[in-house]
Amino acid sequence: MCTKIKREGEINEIDEQIVEHEIGEIRENVKVILEKARHKKYKTNLTKEELNGKKKALQDKRKVFLPADKGRIMVAMDRFESEGGEQSYEYKMKQVLVDLKAKPSISAKKDWDLTDKVCREGTRVIETIVERGEISKEDAERLKPKDCHAPRLSGLPKIHKDGVPL
């Protein structure tokens, strides 16, 4: 049974069916609004010439278009080192991969993704602390690592830095 407090100390009982009916109506209204928004076609603010230029540029396989690391900006780069030299996407990605900081364990020919191992060890340490009674189980649940993922290589240009590194 749902209750609604009118004034301090007074409780007014509300029929559950009425509440469920109102919730259902609200849900249906939201569903209709979302459906309309999904199928709505937005008018572009680009001219026909700009649309044609965009289409033509995207078909050019010698260029690569990427979102910038920060901000809502698109960056156009030469795809191949033979055309763009040190400013090309291919050259900059090679520089990232050559950098030993980006791949220290790969050069040592070891299994470099130790994320699961570190998460398991962290969980084991926290469980040991709980067994000793130093922290509560609730605190332990908050401290345990969740959704552990290894770092990924994004390759997005950092336009806010000199030389636009990836």
C-alpha atoms as a PDB file:
ATOM      1  CA  MET A   1       0.000   0.000   0.000  1.00  0.00           C
ATOM      2  CA  CYS A   2       1.359   3.433  -0.930  1.00  0.00           C
ATOM      3  CA  THR A   3       1.067   6.242   1.586  1.00  0.00           C
ATOM      4  CA  LYS A   4       1.144  10.006   1.279  1.00  0.00           C
ATOM      5  CA  ILE A   5       1.856  12.294   4.200  1.00  0.00           C
ATOM      6  CA  LYS A   6      -0.565  15.251   4.342  1.00  0.00           C
ATOM      7  CA  ARG A   7       0.523  16.930   7.527  1.00  0.00           C
ATOM      8  CA  GLU A   8       2.824  15.901  10.280  1.00  0.00           C
ATOM      9  CA  GLY A   9       1.451  12.727  11.777  1.00  0.00           C
ATOM     10  CA  GLU A  10      -1.539  12.307   9.386  1.00  0.00           C
ATOM     11  CA  ILE A  11      -1.249   9.548   6.796  1.00  0.00           C
ATOM     12  CA  ASN A  12      -3.586   9.266   3.802  1.00  0.00           C
ATOM     13  CA  GLU A  13      -3.862   5.828   2.198  1.00  0.00           C
ATOM     14  CA  ILE A  14      -3.841   5.812  -1.626  1.00  0.00           C
ATOM     15  CA  ASP A  15      -5.131   2.924  -3.669  1.00  0.00           C
ATOM     16  CA  GLU A  16      -2.212   1.081  -5.335  1.00  0.00           C
ATOM     17  CA  GLN A  17      -4.203   0.590  -8.538  1.00  0.00           C
ATOM     18  CA  ILE A  18      -4.633   4.347  -9.015  1.00  0.00           C
ATOM     19  CA  VAL A  19      -0.908   4.919  -8.520  1.00  0.00           C
ATOM     20  CA  GLU A  20       0.014   2.117 -10.931  1.00  0.00           C
ATOM     21  CA  HIS A  21      -2.459   3.488 -13.506  1.00  0.00           C
ATOM     22  CA  GLU A  22      -0.925   6.993 -13.281  1.00  0.00           C
ATOM     23  CA  ILE A  23       2.592   5.580 -13.563  1.00  0.00           C
ATOM     24  CA  GLY A  24       1.508   3.628 -16.649  1.00  0.00           C
ATOM     25  CA  GLU A  25       0.055   6.772 -18.254  1.00  0.00           C
ATOM     26  CA  ILE A  26       3.242   8.738 -17.614  1.00  0.00           C
ATOM     27  CA  ARG A  27       5.305   5.892 -19.034  1.00  0.00           C
ATOM     28  CA  GLU A  28       3.163   5.828 -22.212  1.00  0.00           C
ATOM     29  CA  ASN A  29       3.468   9.615 -22.645  1.00  0.00           C
ATOM     30  CA  VAL A  30       7.246   9.445 -22.340  1.00  0.00           C
ATOM     31  CA  LYS A  31       7.329   6.560 -24.830  1.00  0.00           C
ATOM     32  CA  VAL A  32       5.327   8.580 -27.396  1.00  0.00           C
ATOM     33  CA  ILE A  33       7.584  11.632 -26.976  1.00  0.00           C
ATOM     34  CA  LEU A  34      10.734   9.528 -27.429  1.00  0.00           C
ATOM     35  CA  GLU A  35       9.329   7.817 -30.531  1.00  0.00           C
ATOM     36  CA  LYS A  36       8.533  11.188 -32.125  1.00  0.00           C
ATOM     37  CA  ALA A  37      12.041  12.474 -31.361  1.00  0.00           C
ATOM     38  CA  ARG A  38      13.672   9.345 -32.816  1.00  0.00           C
ATOM     39  CA  HIS A  39      11.950   9.653 -36.189  1.00  0.00           C
ATOM     40  CA  LYS A  40      12.255  13.414 -36.474  1.00  0.00           C
ATOM     41  CA  LYS A  41      14.475  14.506 -39.344  1.00  0.00           C
ATOM     42  CA  TYR A  42      16.642  17.451 -38.487  1.00  0.00           C
ATOM     43  CA  LYS A  43      17.386  20.106 -41.058  1.00  0.00           C
ATOM     44  CA  THR A  44      21.092  20.636 -41.624  1.00  0.00           C
ATOM     45  CA  ASN A  45      22.636  24.077 -41.427  1.00  0.00           C
ATOM     46  CA  LEU A  46      25.089  23.256 -44.239  1.00  0.00           C
ATOM     47  CA  THR A  47      24.612  24.627 -47.745  1.00  0.00           C
ATOM     48  CA  LYS A  48      24.390  22.252 -50.727  1.00  0.00           C
ATOM     49  CA  GLU A  49      27.966  23.137 -51.675  1.00  0.00           C
ATOM     50  CA  GLU A  50      29.179  22.340 -48.155  1.00  0.00           C
ATOM     51  CA  LEU A  51      27.270  19.024 -48.137  1.00  0.00           C
ATOM     52  CA  ASN A  52      28.799  18.084 -51.498  1.00  0.00           C
ATOM     53  CA  GLY A  53      32.271  19.025 -50.224  1.00  0.00           C
ATOM     54  CA  LYS A  54      31.765  16.951 -47.070  1.00  0.00           C
ATOM     55  CA  LYS A  55      30.618  13.949 -49.104  1.00  0.00           C
ATOM     56  CA  LYS A  56      33.574  14.276 -51.476  1.00  0.00           C
ATOM     57  CA  ALA A  57      36.069  14.654 -48.610  1.00  0.00           C
ATOM     58  CA  LEU A  58      34.770  11.541 -46.836  1.00  0.00           C
ATOM     59  CA  GLN A  59      35.243   9.512 -50.032  1.00  0.00           C
ATOM     60  CA  ASP A  60      38.934  10.506 -50.249  1.00  0.00           C
ATOM     61  CA  LYS A  61      40.854   7.460 -48.967  1.00  0.00           C
ATOM     62  CA  ARG A  62      44.092   9.473 -48.650  1.00  0.00           C
ATOM     63  CA  LYS A  63      42.618  11.521 -45.771  1.00  0.00           C
ATOM     64  CA  VAL A  64      41.429  10.445 -42.343  1.00  0.00           C
ATOM     65  CA  PHE A  65      38.843  12.401 -40.322  1.00  0.00           C
ATOM     66  CA  LEU A  66      38.952  12.024 -36.549  1.00  0.00           C
ATOM     67  CA  PRO A  67      37.284  13.728 -33.607  1.00  0.00           C
ATOM     68  CA  ALA A  68      39.748  15.709 -31.514  1.00  0.00           C
ATOM     69  CA  ASP A  69      40.751  14.406 -28.080  1.00  0.00           C
ATOM     70  CA  LYS A  70      39.103  17.427 -26.424  1.00  0.00           C
ATOM     71  CA  GLY A  71      36.333  19.640 -27.700  1.00  0.00           C
ATOM     72  CA  ARG A  72      33.819  19.023 -30.449  1.00  0.00           C
ATOM     73  CA  ILE A  73      36.150  19.428 -33.406  1.00  0.00           C
ATOM     74  CA  MET A  74      36.859  17.207 -36.408  1.00  0.00           C
ATOM     75  CA  VAL A  75      40.472  16.936 -37.547  1.00  0.00           C
ATOM     76  CA  ALA A  76      41.479  16.082 -41.127  1.00  0.00           C
ATOM     77  CA  MET A  77      44.890  14.449 -41.562  1.00  0.00           C
ATOM     78  CA  ASP A  78      46.793  12.811 -44.387  1.00  0.00           C
ATOM     79  CA  ARG A  79      46.412   9.075 -43.906  1.00  0.00           C
ATOM     80  CA  PHE A  80      49.773   7.920 -45.291  1.00  0.00           C
ATOM     81  CA  GLU A  81      53.296   8.922 -44.328  1.00  0.00           C
ATOM     82  CA  SER A  82      54.309   9.190 -47.997  1.00  0.00           C
ATOM     83  CA  GLU A  83      51.879  12.098 -48.489  1.00  0.00           C
ATOM     84  CA  GLY A  84      51.843  13.918 -45.157  1.00  0.00           C
ATOM     85  CA  GLY A  85      55.287  13.217 -43.767  1.00  0.00           C
ATOM     86  CA  GLU A  86      55.584  13.861 -40.040  1.00  0.00           C
ATOM     87  CA  GLN A  87      52.075  15.335 -39.901  1.00  0.00           C
ATOM     88  CA  SER A  88      50.389  12.172 -41.255  1.00  0.00           C
ATOM     89  CA  TYR A  89      48.239   9.853 -39.174  1.00  0.00           C
ATOM     90  CA  GLU A  90      50.371   6.819 -40.052  1.00  0.00           C
ATOM     91  CA  TYR A  91      53.602   8.508 -38.879  1.00  0.00           C
ATOM     92  CA  LYS A  92      52.104   9.719 -35.615  1.00  0.00           C
ATOM     93  CA  MET A  93      50.622   6.294 -34.791  1.00  0.00           C
ATOM     94  CA  LYS A  94      53.998   4.667 -35.471  1.00  0.00           C
ATOM     95  CA  GLN A  95      55.578   7.128 -33.029  1.00  0.00           C
ATOM     96  CA  VAL A  96      53.068   6.118 -30.353  1.00  0.00           C
ATOM     97  CA  LEU A  97      53.784   2.419 -30.904  1.00  0.00           C
ATOM     98  CA  VAL A  98      57.570   2.895 -30.980  1.00  0.00           C
ATOM     99  CA  ASP A  99      57.492   4.707 -27.658  1.00  0.00           C
ATOM    100  CA  LEU A 100      58.483   2.133 -25.025  1.00  0.00           C
ATOM    101  CA  LYS A 101      56.202   3.783 -22.467  1.00  0.00           C
ATOM    102  CA  ALA A 102      53.218   2.768 -24.598  1.00  0.00           C
ATOM    103  CA  LYS A 103      54.268  -0.907 -24.689  1.00  0.00           C
ATOM    104  CA  PRO A 104      56.819  -1.789 -21.969  1.00  0.00           C
ATOM    105  CA  SER A 105      55.853  -5.441 -21.482  1.00  0.00           C
ATOM    106  CA  ILE A 106      55.278  -6.223 -25.131  1.00  0.00           C
ATOM    107  CA  SER A 107      58.958  -5.609 -25.815  1.00  0.00           C
ATOM    108  CA  ALA A 108      59.749  -8.064 -23.002  1.00  0.00           C
ATOM    109  CA  LYS A 109      57.529 -10.681 -24.764  1.00  0.00           C
ATOM    110  CA  LYS A 110      55.385 -11.253 -21.670  1.00  0.00           C
ATOM    111  CA  ASP A 111      51.656 -11.334 -21.109  1.00  0.00           C
ATOM    112  CA  TRP A 112      51.175  -7.585 -20.748  1.00  0.00           C
ATOM    113  CA  ASP A 113      47.510  -7.456 -19.669  1.00  0.00           C
ATOM    114  CA  LEU A 114      47.761  -7.964 -15.916  1.00  0.00           C
ATOM    115  CA  THR A 115      44.482  -6.193 -15.150  1.00  0.00           C
ATOM    116  CA  ASP A 116      42.591  -9.296 -13.990  1.00  0.00           C
ATOM    117  CA  LYS A 117      45.483 -10.410 -11.791  1.00  0.00           C
ATOM    118  CA  VAL A 118      45.722  -7.003 -10.106  1.00  0.00           C
ATOM    119  CA  CYS A 119      41.925  -6.900  -9.545  1.00  0.00           C
ATOM    120  CA  ARG A 120      41.949 -10.385  -7.966  1.00  0.00           C
ATOM    121  CA  GLU A 121      44.867  -9.490  -5.696  1.00  0.00           C
ATOM    122  CA  GLY A 122      43.180  -6.249  -4.632  1.00  0.00           C
ATOM    123  CA  THR A 123      39.969  -8.107  -3.810  1.00  0.00           C
ATOM    124  CA  ARG A 124      41.940 -10.715  -1.838  1.00  0.00           C
ATOM    125  CA  VAL A 125      43.665  -8.014   0.243  1.00  0.00           C
ATOM    126  CA  ILE A 126      40.336  -6.315   1.025  1.00  0.00           C
ATOM    127  CA  GLU A 127      38.767  -9.652   2.043  1.00  0.00           C
ATOM    128  CA  THR A 128      41.717 -10.303   4.385  1.00  0.00           C
ATOM    129  CA  ILE A 129      41.171  -6.919   6.030  1.00  0.00           C
ATOM    130  CA  VAL A 130      37.456  -7.734   6.501  1.00  0.00           C
ATOM    131  CA  GLU A 131      38.304 -11.108   8.075  1.00  0.00           C
ATOM    132  CA  ARG A 132      40.520  -9.308  10.591  1.00  0.00           C
ATOM    133  CA  GLY A 133      37.563  -7.038  11.403  1.00  0.00           C
ATOM    134  CA  GLU A 134      39.324  -3.820  10.448  1.00  0.00           C
ATOM    135  CA  ILE A 135      36.580  -2.693   8.050  1.00  0.00           C
ATOM    136  CA  SER A 136      32.922  -3.621   7.542  1.00  0.00           C
ATOM    137  CA  LYS A 137      31.584  -5.710   4.664  1.00  0.00           C
ATOM    138  CA  GLU A 138      29.753  -2.655   3.288  1.00  0.00           C
ATOM    139  CA  ASP A 139      33.006  -0.661   3.186  1.00  0.00           C
ATOM    140  CA  ALA A 140      34.742  -3.630   1.565  1.00  0.00           C
ATOM    141  CA  GLU A 141      32.136  -3.761  -1.230  1.00  0.00           C
ATOM    142  CA  ARG A 142      32.749  -0.083  -1.967  1.00  0.00           C
ATOM    143  CA  LEU A 143      36.522  -0.587  -2.012  1.00  0.00           C
ATOM    144  CA  LYS A 144      36.638  -3.689  -4.224  1.00  0.00           C
ATOM    145  CA  PRO A 145      37.727  -3.009  -7.809  1.00  0.00           C
ATOM    146  CA  LYS A 146      34.909  -3.211 -10.358  1.00  0.00           C
ATOM    147  CA  ASP A 147      34.954  -3.214 -14.173  1.00  0.00           C
ATOM    148  CA  CYS A 148      38.713  -3.496 -14.502  1.00  0.00           C
ATOM    149  CA  HIS A 149      39.910  -2.819 -18.050  1.00  0.00           C
ATOM    150  CA  ALA A 150      43.365  -2.540 -19.546  1.00  0.00           C
ATOM    151  CA  PRO A 151      44.260   0.823 -21.114  1.00  0.00           C
ATOM    152  CA  ARG A 152      43.393   1.169 -24.795  1.00  0.00           C
ATOM    153  CA  LEU A 153      45.078   3.008 -27.626  1.00  0.00           C
ATOM    154  CA  SER A 154      42.702   5.660 -28.977  1.00  0.00           C
ATOM    155  CA  GLY A 155      44.751   7.474 -31.624  1.00  0.00           C
ATOM    156  CA  LEU A 156      42.776  10.712 -31.318  1.00  0.00           C
ATOM    157  CA  PRO A 157      44.703  13.897 -32.129  1.00  0.00           C
ATOM    158  CA  LYS A 158      45.449  16.148 -29.145  1.00  0.00           C
ATOM    159  CA  ILE A 159      44.927  19.527 -30.800  1.00  0.00           C
ATOM    160  CA  HIS A 160      45.528  21.406 -27.537  1.00  0.00           C
ATOM    161  CA  LYS A 161      49.220  20.347 -27.532  1.00  0.00           C
ATOM    162  CA  ASP A 162      52.082  21.501 -29.761  1.00  0.00           C
ATOM    163  CA  GLY A 163      52.670  19.304 -32.789  1.00  0.00           C
ATOM    164  CA  VAL A 164      49.217  17.690 -32.441  1.00  0.00           C
ATOM    165  CA  PRO A 165      50.361  14.318 -31.012  1.00  0.00           C
ATOM    166  CA  LEU A 166      48.054  11.293 -30.906  1.00  0.00           C
END
